[in-house]
Amino acid sequence: MATTSNSVLFLGSDSLSHHHHHRQPLHLSSSRSHSVSLLPSKRSSPLSLRCSTNGDNTTSEKDTPIELKYPAFPTVMDINQIREILPHRFPFLLVDRVIEYTPGVSAVAIKNVTINDNFFPGHFPERPIMPGVLMIEAMAQVGGIVMLQPEVGGSRDNFFFAGIDKVRFRKPVIAGDTLVMRMTLLKFQKRFGLAKMEGKAYVGGALVCEGEFMMVSAGSS
């Protein structure tokens, strides 16, 4: 390579004109010696940017503490507002927070399932699983938040189950889970205070329970 580059540098103008097709690659190799310092820098620029960007993202993700990675659920109604709507009290108030509410249509709420819940010592001592009937009760209470709102025409009277259909339990709910429940009003007969609702409950995005609910206001005849 050193001999070739020297021959290019010392070739005269006559030889260049007579042997253009031989000289061209050599001339290019001479010019390429300049372009070698430029082209790779142009090519390496985006590559180096990509690498540094990916590296920064990876580093950033690794450096971010786990407690800062996941945002909290929003609060549309806190526990004090829930207590103003629902008649339930300890140990049977099973809704901790409403995270979405569409007037007259639906509500989404959460129940934080903890080992301190009073049902775990007996269900079961060696394997704490939330009873399915209490999951249904919690979902019904979310339905009550929809049903008892003025937008539906309900009142703050007590309400009761009138029927439960098509209930399915898909996965167990254990201590440490956050039960996310969506109740959607399908039909409400104001004259009789009767509501038909669809309920679905999730843990970590996986469906754990679903069913159809019929509820009636206690003040209705």
C-alpha atoms as a PDB file:
ATOM      1  CA  MET A   1       0.000   0.000   0.000  1.00  0.00           C
ATOM      2  CA  ALA A   2       2.904   2.384   0.753  1.00  0.00           C
ATOM      3  CA  THR A   3       4.459   1.720  -2.705  1.00  0.00           C
ATOM      4  CA  THR A   4       1.145   2.343  -4.437  1.00  0.00           C
ATOM      5  CA  SER A   5       0.537   5.608  -2.658  1.00  0.00           C
ATOM      6  CA  ASN A   6       4.095   6.784  -3.489  1.00  0.00           C
ATOM      7  CA  SER A   7       3.626   5.943  -7.177  1.00  0.00           C
ATOM      8  CA  VAL A   8       0.468   7.982  -7.264  1.00  0.00           C
ATOM      9  CA  LEU A   9       2.109  10.975  -5.664  1.00  0.00           C
ATOM     10  CA  PHE A  10       5.071  10.999  -8.092  1.00  0.00           C
ATOM     11  CA  LEU A  11       3.278  10.297 -11.385  1.00  0.00           C
ATOM     12  CA  GLY A  12       3.526  13.079 -13.939  1.00  0.00           C
ATOM     13  CA  SER A  13       0.748  14.806 -15.845  1.00  0.00           C
ATOM     14  CA  ASP A  14       1.626  12.975 -19.135  1.00  0.00           C
ATOM     15  CA  SER A  15       1.269   9.563 -17.587  1.00  0.00           C
ATOM     16  CA  LEU A  16      -2.021  10.590 -16.086  1.00  0.00           C
ATOM     17  CA  SER A  17      -3.394  11.591 -19.481  1.00  0.00           C
ATOM     18  CA  HIS A  18      -2.084   8.452 -21.285  1.00  0.00           C
ATOM     19  CA  HIS A  19      -3.167   5.910 -18.682  1.00  0.00           C
ATOM     20  CA  HIS A  20      -6.317   7.449 -17.295  1.00  0.00           C
ATOM     21  CA  HIS A  21      -8.113   4.112 -16.771  1.00  0.00           C
ATOM     22  CA  HIS A  22      -5.182   2.752 -14.746  1.00  0.00           C
ATOM     23  CA  ARG A  23      -4.525   5.975 -12.987  1.00  0.00           C
ATOM     24  CA  GLN A  24      -8.135   6.604 -11.938  1.00  0.00           C
ATOM     25  CA  PRO A  25      -8.286   3.917  -9.242  1.00  0.00           C
ATOM     26  CA  LEU A  26      -4.891   5.073  -7.947  1.00  0.00           C
ATOM     27  CA  HIS A  27      -6.008   8.677  -8.001  1.00  0.00           C
ATOM     28  CA  LEU A  28      -9.148   7.674  -6.171  1.00  0.00           C
ATOM     29  CA  SER A  29      -7.099   5.797  -3.623  1.00  0.00           C
ATOM     30  CA  SER A  30      -5.162   9.013  -3.067  1.00  0.00           C
ATOM     31  CA  SER A  31      -8.369  11.032  -2.689  1.00  0.00           C
ATOM     32  CA  ARG A  32      -9.837   8.189  -0.658  1.00  0.00           C
ATOM     33  CA  SER A  33      -7.049   8.720   1.830  1.00  0.00           C
ATOM     34  CA  HIS A  34      -8.730  12.054   2.526  1.00  0.00           C
ATOM     35  CA  SER A  35     -12.238  10.681   2.338  1.00  0.00           C
ATOM     36  CA  VAL A  36     -11.375   7.886   4.730  1.00  0.00           C
ATOM     37  CA  SER A  37     -11.065  10.471   7.446  1.00  0.00           C
ATOM     38  CA  LEU A  38     -14.406  12.045   6.466  1.00  0.00           C
ATOM     39  CA  LEU A  39     -16.797   9.326   5.342  1.00  0.00           C
ATOM     40  CA  PRO A  40     -16.423   7.059   8.333  1.00  0.00           C
ATOM     41  CA  SER A  41     -16.954  10.055  10.557  1.00  0.00           C
ATOM     42  CA  LYS A  42     -20.231  10.740   8.725  1.00  0.00           C
ATOM     43  CA  ARG A  43     -21.233   7.113   8.933  1.00  0.00           C
ATOM     44  CA  SER A  44     -20.116   6.709  12.505  1.00  0.00           C
ATOM     45  CA  SER A  45     -21.937   9.833  13.593  1.00  0.00           C
ATOM     46  CA  PRO A  46     -25.462   8.356  13.529  1.00  0.00           C
ATOM     47  CA  LEU A  47     -24.142   5.044  14.780  1.00  0.00           C
ATOM     48  CA  SER A  48     -22.414   6.691  17.687  1.00  0.00           C
ATOM     49  CA  LEU A  49     -25.574   8.664  18.411  1.00  0.00           C
ATOM     50  CA  ARG A  50     -27.684   5.534  18.367  1.00  0.00           C
ATOM     51  CA  CYS A  51     -25.279   3.719  20.618  1.00  0.00           C
ATOM     52  CA  SER A  52     -25.028   6.582  23.078  1.00  0.00           C
ATOM     53  CA  THR A  53     -28.810   7.062  23.038  1.00  0.00           C
ATOM     54  CA  ASN A  54     -29.478   3.391  23.656  1.00  0.00           C
ATOM     55  CA  GLY A  55     -26.811   3.351  26.284  1.00  0.00           C
ATOM     56  CA  ASP A  56     -28.309   6.397  27.978  1.00  0.00           C
ATOM     57  CA  ASN A  57     -31.795   4.863  27.941  1.00  0.00           C
ATOM     58  CA  THR A  58     -30.514   1.598  29.326  1.00  0.00           C
ATOM     59  CA  THR A  59     -28.537   3.393  31.960  1.00  0.00           C
ATOM     60  CA  SER A  60     -31.480   5.644  32.754  1.00  0.00           C
ATOM     61  CA  GLU A  61     -33.860   2.685  33.129  1.00  0.00           C
ATOM     62  CA  LYS A  62     -31.388   0.820  35.290  1.00  0.00           C
ATOM     63  CA  ASP A  63     -30.679   3.863  37.416  1.00  0.00           C
ATOM     64  CA  THR A  64     -34.370   4.649  37.995  1.00  0.00           C
ATOM     65  CA  PRO A  65     -35.460   3.106  41.314  1.00  0.00           C
ATOM     66  CA  ILE A  66     -38.345   0.656  40.965  1.00  0.00           C
ATOM     67  CA  GLU A  67     -40.497   2.747  43.276  1.00  0.00           C
ATOM     68  CA  LEU A  68     -40.379   5.581  40.707  1.00  0.00           C
ATOM     69  CA  LYS A  69     -41.069   3.490  37.588  1.00  0.00           C
ATOM     70  CA  TYR A  70     -44.785   2.838  38.058  1.00  0.00           C
ATOM     71  CA  PRO A  71     -47.281   5.699  38.428  1.00  0.00           C
ATOM     72  CA  ALA A  72     -50.030   5.451  41.030  1.00  0.00           C
ATOM     73  CA  PHE A  73     -53.678   4.993  40.123  1.00  0.00           C
ATOM     74  CA  PRO A  74     -55.492   8.328  39.721  1.00  0.00           C
ATOM     75  CA  THR A  75     -58.018   9.414  42.330  1.00  0.00           C
ATOM     76  CA  VAL A  76     -61.473  10.405  41.133  1.00  0.00           C
ATOM     77  CA  MET A  77     -63.123   9.628  44.473  1.00  0.00           C
ATOM     78  CA  ASP A  78     -61.156   9.003  47.659  1.00  0.00           C
ATOM     79  CA  ILE A  79     -62.308   6.883  50.578  1.00  0.00           C
ATOM     80  CA  ASN A  80     -64.100   9.810  52.254  1.00  0.00           C
ATOM     81  CA  GLN A  81     -66.167  10.492  49.138  1.00  0.00           C
ATOM     82  CA  ILE A  82     -66.907   6.787  48.798  1.00  0.00           C
ATOM     83  CA  ARG A  83     -68.149   6.687  52.390  1.00  0.00           C
ATOM     84  CA  GLU A  84     -70.549   9.514  51.572  1.00  0.00           C
ATOM     85  CA  ILE A  85     -72.117   7.394  48.818  1.00  0.00           C
ATOM     86  CA  LEU A  86     -71.998   3.823  50.116  1.00  0.00           C
ATOM     87  CA  PRO A  87     -73.648   2.786  53.399  1.00  0.00           C
ATOM     88  CA  HIS A  88     -71.026   0.061  54.062  1.00  0.00           C
ATOM     89  CA  ARG A  89     -68.554   0.326  56.911  1.00  0.00           C
ATOM     90  CA  PHE A  90     -65.754  -1.771  58.406  1.00  0.00           C
ATOM     91  CA  PRO A  91     -65.268  -4.640  57.955  1.00  0.00           C
ATOM     92  CA  PHE A  92     -67.423  -4.707  54.838  1.00  0.00           C
ATOM     93  CA  LEU A  93     -66.448  -1.606  52.896  1.00  0.00           C
ATOM     94  CA  LEU A  94     -64.467  -3.212  50.082  1.00  0.00           C
ATOM     95  CA  VAL A  95     -63.760  -0.229  47.815  1.00  0.00           C
ATOM     96  CA  ASP A  96     -60.688   1.912  48.517  1.00  0.00           C
ATOM     97  CA  ARG A  97     -60.615   4.336  45.604  1.00  0.00           C
ATOM     98  CA  VAL A  98     -62.529   5.205  42.442  1.00  0.00           C
ATOM     99  CA  ILE A  99     -60.094   5.738  39.582  1.00  0.00           C
ATOM    100  CA  GLU A 100     -62.592   6.455  36.780  1.00  0.00           C
ATOM    101  CA  TYR A 101     -66.215   7.507  36.758  1.00  0.00           C
ATOM    102  CA  THR A 102     -68.490   8.142  33.796  1.00  0.00           C
ATOM    103  CA  PRO A 103     -71.795   9.573  35.079  1.00  0.00           C
ATOM    104  CA  GLY A 104     -74.715   7.255  34.440  1.00  0.00           C
ATOM    105  CA  VAL A 105     -72.525   4.724  32.647  1.00  0.00           C
ATOM    106  CA  SER A 106     -69.712   3.115  34.603  1.00  0.00           C
ATOM    107  CA  ALA A 107     -67.193   3.276  37.426  1.00  0.00           C
ATOM    108  CA  VAL A 108     -63.769   1.731  37.884  1.00  0.00           C
ATOM    109  CA  ALA A 109     -62.478   1.274  41.421  1.00  0.00           C
ATOM    110  CA  ILE A 110     -59.762  -0.572  43.291  1.00  0.00           C
ATOM    111  CA  LYS A 111     -59.624  -2.773  46.341  1.00  0.00           C
ATOM    112  CA  ASN A 112     -56.172  -3.131  47.880  1.00  0.00           C
ATOM    113  CA  VAL A 113     -56.056  -6.719  49.081  1.00  0.00           C
ATOM    114  CA  THR A 114     -53.816  -6.946  52.161  1.00  0.00           C
ATOM    115  CA  ILE A 115     -52.898  -9.692  54.582  1.00  0.00           C
ATOM    116  CA  ASN A 116     -54.585  -7.601  57.293  1.00  0.00           C
ATOM    117  CA  ASP A 117     -58.025  -8.099  55.728  1.00  0.00           C
ATOM    118  CA  ASN A 118     -60.165  -9.788  58.352  1.00  0.00           C
ATOM    119  CA  PHE A 119     -61.144 -12.747  56.149  1.00  0.00           C
ATOM    120  CA  PHE A 120     -57.616 -14.063  55.577  1.00  0.00           C
ATOM    121  CA  PRO A 121     -57.123 -15.776  58.972  1.00  0.00           C
ATOM    122  CA  GLY A 122     -59.915 -18.177  58.035  1.00  0.00           C
ATOM    123  CA  HIS A 123     -59.618 -18.236  54.203  1.00  0.00           C
ATOM    124  CA  PHE A 124     -57.149 -19.851  54.314  1.00  0.00           C
ATOM    125  CA  PRO A 125     -54.616 -19.899  57.176  1.00  0.00           C
ATOM    126  CA  GLU A 126     -51.923 -21.515  55.006  1.00  0.00           C
ATOM    127  CA  ARG A 127     -52.921 -19.899  51.703  1.00  0.00           C
ATOM    128  CA  PRO A 128     -54.519 -16.437  51.885  1.00  0.00           C
ATOM    129  CA  ILE A 129     -57.030 -16.266  49.017  1.00  0.00           C
ATOM    130  CA  MET A 130     -59.751 -13.622  48.767  1.00  0.00           C
ATOM    131  CA  PRO A 131     -63.161 -15.351  48.897  1.00  0.00           C
ATOM    132  CA  GLY A 132     -65.018 -15.229  45.595  1.00  0.00           C
ATOM    133  CA  VAL A 133     -68.192 -14.043  47.304  1.00  0.00           C
ATOM    134  CA  LEU A 134     -66.301 -11.023  48.633  1.00  0.00           C
ATOM    135  CA  MET A 135     -64.981 -10.236  45.168  1.00  0.00           C
ATOM    136  CA  ILE A 136     -68.604 -10.216  44.009  1.00  0.00           C
ATOM    137  CA  GLU A 137     -69.541  -8.019  46.979  1.00  0.00           C
ATOM    138  CA  ALA A 138     -66.732  -5.568  46.188  1.00  0.00           C
ATOM    139  CA  MET A 139     -67.852  -5.368  42.560  1.00  0.00           C
ATOM    140  CA  ALA A 140     -71.447  -4.804  43.651  1.00  0.00           C
ATOM    141  CA  GLN A 141     -70.309  -1.908  45.820  1.00  0.00           C
ATOM    142  CA  VAL A 142     -68.654  -0.338  42.784  1.00  0.00           C
ATOM    143  CA  GLY A 143     -71.977  -0.832  40.997  1.00  0.00           C
ATOM    144  CA  GLY A 144     -73.654   0.939  43.887  1.00  0.00           C
ATOM    145  CA  ILE A 145     -71.452   3.976  43.291  1.00  0.00           C
ATOM    146  CA  VAL A 146     -72.891   4.160  39.765  1.00  0.00           C
ATOM    147  CA  MET A 147     -76.441   3.253  40.739  1.00  0.00           C
ATOM    148  CA  LEU A 148     -76.774   5.682  43.652  1.00  0.00           C
ATOM    149  CA  GLN A 149     -75.538   8.732  41.774  1.00  0.00           C
ATOM    150  CA  PRO A 150     -77.973  11.499  40.792  1.00  0.00           C
ATOM    151  CA  GLU A 151     -77.090  11.049  37.095  1.00  0.00           C
ATOM    152  CA  VAL A 152     -78.768   7.638  37.185  1.00  0.00           C
ATOM    153  CA  GLY A 153     -81.686   8.861  39.203  1.00  0.00           C
ATOM    154  CA  GLY A 154     -80.759   6.769  42.228  1.00  0.00           C
ATOM    155  CA  SER A 155     -80.830   7.845  45.853  1.00  0.00           C
ATOM    156  CA  ARG A 156     -78.558   7.334  48.824  1.00  0.00           C
ATOM    157  CA  ASP A 157     -80.838   4.595  50.139  1.00  0.00           C
ATOM    158  CA  ASN A 158     -79.472   1.128  50.804  1.00  0.00           C
ATOM    159  CA  PHE A 159     -79.469  -1.316  47.920  1.00  0.00           C
ATOM    160  CA  PHE A 160     -79.436  -5.086  47.684  1.00  0.00           C
ATOM    161  CA  PHE A 161     -78.747  -7.893  45.247  1.00  0.00           C
ATOM    162  CA  ALA A 162     -81.698  -9.001  43.178  1.00  0.00           C
ATOM    163  CA  GLY A 163     -79.744 -11.542  41.160  1.00  0.00           C
ATOM    164  CA  ILE A 164     -76.324 -12.666  39.967  1.00  0.00           C
ATOM    165  CA  ASP A 165     -75.796 -14.433  36.645  1.00  0.00           C
ATOM    166  CA  LYS A 166     -72.947 -15.809  34.545  1.00  0.00           C
ATOM    167  CA  VAL A 167     -70.384 -15.428  37.324  1.00  0.00           C
ATOM    168  CA  ARG A 168     -66.975 -16.883  36.546  1.00  0.00           C
ATOM    169  CA  PHE A 169     -63.803 -16.875  38.637  1.00  0.00           C
ATOM    170  CA  ARG A 170     -60.757 -17.022  36.395  1.00  0.00           C
ATOM    171  CA  LYS A 171     -57.815 -16.702  38.792  1.00  0.00           C
ATOM    172  CA  PRO A 172     -57.317 -16.549  42.573  1.00  0.00           C
ATOM    173  CA  VAL A 173     -56.791 -13.153  44.204  1.00  0.00           C
ATOM    174  CA  ILE A 174     -54.237 -13.193  47.007  1.00  0.00           C
ATOM    175  CA  ALA A 175     -52.850 -10.827  49.614  1.00  0.00           C
ATOM    176  CA  GLY A 176     -50.751  -8.141  47.957  1.00  0.00           C
ATOM    177  CA  ASP A 177     -52.918  -7.920  44.823  1.00  0.00           C
ATOM    178  CA  THR A 178     -54.754  -4.812  43.686  1.00  0.00           C
ATOM    179  CA  LEU A 179     -58.234  -5.739  42.497  1.00  0.00           C
ATOM    180  CA  VAL A 180     -59.373  -3.388  39.729  1.00  0.00           C
ATOM    181  CA  MET A 181     -63.133  -3.540  39.166  1.00  0.00           C
ATOM    182  CA  ARG A 182     -65.197  -2.093  36.328  1.00  0.00           C
ATOM    183  CA  MET A 183     -68.970  -1.965  36.633  1.00  0.00           C
ATOM    184  CA  THR A 184     -71.035  -0.856  33.649  1.00  0.00           C
ATOM    185  CA  LEU A 185     -74.725   0.001  33.875  1.00  0.00           C
ATOM    186  CA  LEU A 186     -76.683  -1.850  31.206  1.00  0.00           C
ATOM    187  CA  LYS A 187     -80.229  -0.916  32.239  1.00  0.00           C
ATOM    188  CA  PHE A 188     -81.875   1.045  35.033  1.00  0.00           C
ATOM    189  CA  GLN A 189     -85.619   1.049  35.737  1.00  0.00           C
ATOM    190  CA  LYS A 190     -86.078   4.112  37.874  1.00  0.00           C
ATOM    191  CA  ARG A 191     -89.689   3.268  38.744  1.00  0.00           C
ATOM    192  CA  PHE A 192     -88.654   0.012  40.414  1.00  0.00           C
ATOM    193  CA  GLY A 193     -85.140   1.094  41.367  1.00  0.00           C
ATOM    194  CA  LEU A 194     -83.830  -1.925  39.506  1.00  0.00           C
ATOM    195  CA  ALA A 195     -80.431  -1.925  37.830  1.00  0.00           C
ATOM    196  CA  LYS A 196     -78.747  -4.453  35.587  1.00  0.00           C
ATOM    197  CA  MET A 197     -74.957  -4.193  35.438  1.00  0.00           C
ATOM    198  CA  GLU A 198     -71.985  -5.935  33.893  1.00  0.00           C
ATOM    199  CA  GLY A 199     -68.955  -6.445  36.089  1.00  0.00           C
ATOM    200  CA  LYS A 200     -65.354  -7.386  35.380  1.00  0.00           C
ATOM    201  CA  ALA A 201     -62.451  -7.533  37.834  1.00  0.00           C
ATOM    202  CA  TYR A 202     -58.742  -7.615  37.014  1.00  0.00           C
ATOM    203  CA  VAL A 203     -55.385  -8.094  38.700  1.00  0.00           C
ATOM    204  CA  GLY A 204     -52.376  -6.873  36.751  1.00  0.00           C
ATOM    205  CA  GLY A 205     -54.471  -6.632  33.594  1.00  0.00           C
ATOM    206  CA  ALA A 206     -55.626 -10.273  33.807  1.00  0.00           C
ATOM    207  CA  LEU A 207     -59.332 -10.998  34.156  1.00  0.00           C
ATOM    208  CA  VAL A 208     -60.009 -12.703  37.494  1.00  0.00           C
ATOM    209  CA  CYS A 209     -63.786 -12.449  37.825  1.00  0.00           C
ATOM    210  CA  GLU A 210     -66.822 -11.453  35.759  1.00  0.00           C
ATOM    211  CA  GLY A 211     -70.589 -11.601  35.937  1.00  0.00           C
ATOM    212  CA  GLU A 212     -73.933  -9.864  35.505  1.00  0.00           C
ATOM    213  CA  PHE A 213     -75.561  -8.175  38.486  1.00  0.00           C
ATOM    214  CA  MET A 214     -79.130  -7.227  39.307  1.00  0.00           C
ATOM    215  CA  MET A 215     -79.511  -4.730  42.132  1.00  0.00           C
ATOM    216  CA  VAL A 216     -82.481  -2.972  43.642  1.00  0.00           C
ATOM    217  CA  SER A 217     -82.745   0.139  45.779  1.00  0.00           C
ATOM    218  CA  ALA A 218     -84.073  -0.528  49.292  1.00  0.00           C
ATOM    219  CA  GLY A 219     -86.404   2.450  49.034  1.00  0.00           C
ATOM    220  CA  SER A 220     -88.194   0.942  46.038  1.00  0.00           C
ATOM    221  CA  SER A 221     -91.428  -1.005  46.394  1.00  0.00           C
END
